[in-house]
Protein backbone atom coordinates (compact mmCIF):
# COMPACT_ATOMS: atom_id res chain seq x y z
CA MET A 1 261.25 32.40 -73.85
CA ASN A 2 262.46 33.77 -77.13
CA GLU A 3 259.45 33.62 -79.44
CA ILE A 4 259.95 33.78 -83.18
CA VAL A 5 257.20 35.93 -84.70
CA SER A 6 258.59 37.33 -87.94
CA ILE A 7 260.59 36.24 -90.94
CA ASN A 8 263.42 38.49 -89.67
CA ASP A 9 263.32 36.70 -86.30
CA TRP A 10 263.51 33.37 -88.17
CA LYS A 11 266.57 34.51 -90.13
CA LYS A 12 268.30 35.70 -86.95
CA VAL A 13 267.62 32.54 -84.96
CA ASN A 14 268.92 30.42 -87.81
CA GLN A 15 272.31 32.07 -87.42
CA ILE A 16 272.56 30.11 -84.15
CA SER A 17 274.27 26.83 -84.89
CA ASN A 18 272.20 24.44 -82.72
CA TYR A 19 268.84 24.87 -81.01
CA LEU A 20 265.51 23.21 -80.37
CA LEU A 21 262.42 24.71 -81.98
CA LEU A 22 259.15 24.30 -80.11
CA ILE A 23 255.88 24.68 -82.00
CA THR A 24 253.14 25.44 -79.49
CA LYS A 25 249.60 26.73 -79.05
CA GLU A 26 248.10 28.65 -76.17
CA SER A 27 245.13 26.28 -76.16
CA CYS A 28 247.40 23.26 -75.49
CA GLU A 29 247.66 22.20 -71.85
CA ASP A 30 250.74 20.04 -72.52
CA CYS A 31 252.38 23.06 -74.17
CA ARG A 32 251.82 25.16 -71.05
CA LYS A 33 253.46 22.44 -68.93
CA VAL A 34 256.44 22.34 -71.31
CA GLU A 35 256.78 26.12 -71.20
CA GLY A 36 256.62 26.07 -67.39
CA TYR A 37 259.46 23.54 -67.31
CA LEU A 38 261.48 25.63 -69.74
CA GLU A 39 261.02 28.81 -67.69
CA MET A 40 262.43 27.02 -64.64
CA ASN A 41 265.38 25.68 -66.67
CA ASN A 42 266.62 28.80 -68.50
CA ASN A 43 264.78 27.77 -71.69
CA LYS A 44 267.16 24.86 -72.20
CA ILE A 45 266.89 21.12 -72.56
CA LYS A 46 270.23 19.44 -72.16
CA GLU A 47 272.67 21.72 -74.00
CA TYR A 48 270.08 23.10 -76.42
CA ASN A 49 268.47 26.52 -76.16
CA VAL A 50 264.77 26.41 -76.99
CA LYS A 51 263.08 28.88 -79.35
CA LYS A 52 259.37 28.77 -80.04
CA ILE A 53 256.72 29.56 -82.59
CA ASN A 54 253.22 29.95 -81.18
CA LEU A 55 250.60 28.94 -83.74
CA ASP A 56 248.00 31.10 -81.95
CA ASN A 57 250.04 34.31 -82.14
CA ILE A 58 248.47 36.57 -84.78
CA GLU A 59 251.82 38.32 -85.26
CA SER A 60 253.29 35.01 -86.46
CA LYS A 61 250.79 34.33 -89.28
CA LYS A 62 253.06 35.59 -92.07
CA LEU A 63 256.02 33.60 -90.73
CA ILE A 64 253.94 30.44 -90.33
CA GLY A 65 252.61 30.85 -93.87
CA SER A 66 256.15 31.10 -95.22
CA LEU A 67 257.29 27.90 -93.47
CA LYS A 68 255.39 25.34 -95.55
CA TRP A 69 256.63 22.40 -93.48
CA ILE A 70 254.60 23.62 -90.49
CA LYS A 71 251.32 23.07 -92.33
CA THR A 72 252.34 19.64 -93.59
CA GLU A 73 254.16 18.24 -90.55
CA VAL A 74 252.67 19.79 -87.43
CA ASP A 75 249.60 17.78 -86.56
CA PHE A 76 250.16 17.59 -82.81
CA VAL A 77 251.62 20.04 -80.32
CA PRO A 78 254.00 20.32 -78.61
CA PHE A 79 256.00 19.68 -81.78
CA TRP A 80 259.79 19.90 -81.74
CA SER A 81 262.55 20.20 -84.31
CA LEU A 82 266.24 19.89 -83.64
CA VAL A 83 268.05 22.46 -85.75
CA VAL A 84 271.75 22.03 -86.47
CA ASP A 85 273.65 24.41 -88.74
CA SER A 86 270.33 26.05 -89.77
CA LYS A 87 268.87 22.71 -90.94
CA ARG A 88 266.07 20.79 -89.31
CA ILE A 89 267.56 17.36 -88.79
CA LYS A 90 265.01 15.68 -86.55
CA SER A 91 261.40 16.31 -85.55
CA PHE A 92 259.28 14.74 -82.84
CA ARG A 93 256.16 15.31 -80.76
CA GLY A 94 255.60 15.22 -77.05
CA ASP A 95 256.47 16.42 -73.59
CA ILE A 96 259.83 17.07 -71.95
CA ASP A 97 260.51 13.39 -71.21
CA GLN A 98 259.91 12.48 -74.87
CA VAL A 99 262.19 15.29 -76.01
CA LYS A 100 265.01 14.13 -73.74
CA GLU A 101 264.61 10.58 -75.06
CA ASN A 102 264.87 11.82 -78.66
CA LEU A 103 267.98 13.95 -78.17
């Protein structure tokens, strides 16, 4: 899966018009299940490509610090945001079934 680890990565991925952003942690069992599903489905849910930010990745600390909304909104993982035209338009929490219901 395409992991976003730097501010440059974030800028590049936001040039994509529509995608799902997954906020995850290695210590999260539900996150591992979600990632397993995504690996078997070409990192897509419906028509959306999935990109991820791993909160446990040390390389991502600077990026995570620059995205203030992560600290204020992400209280449960897996956490998802639907991004359309580089804007987060909808956020939700949960597994694959919950994501499909929210799209």
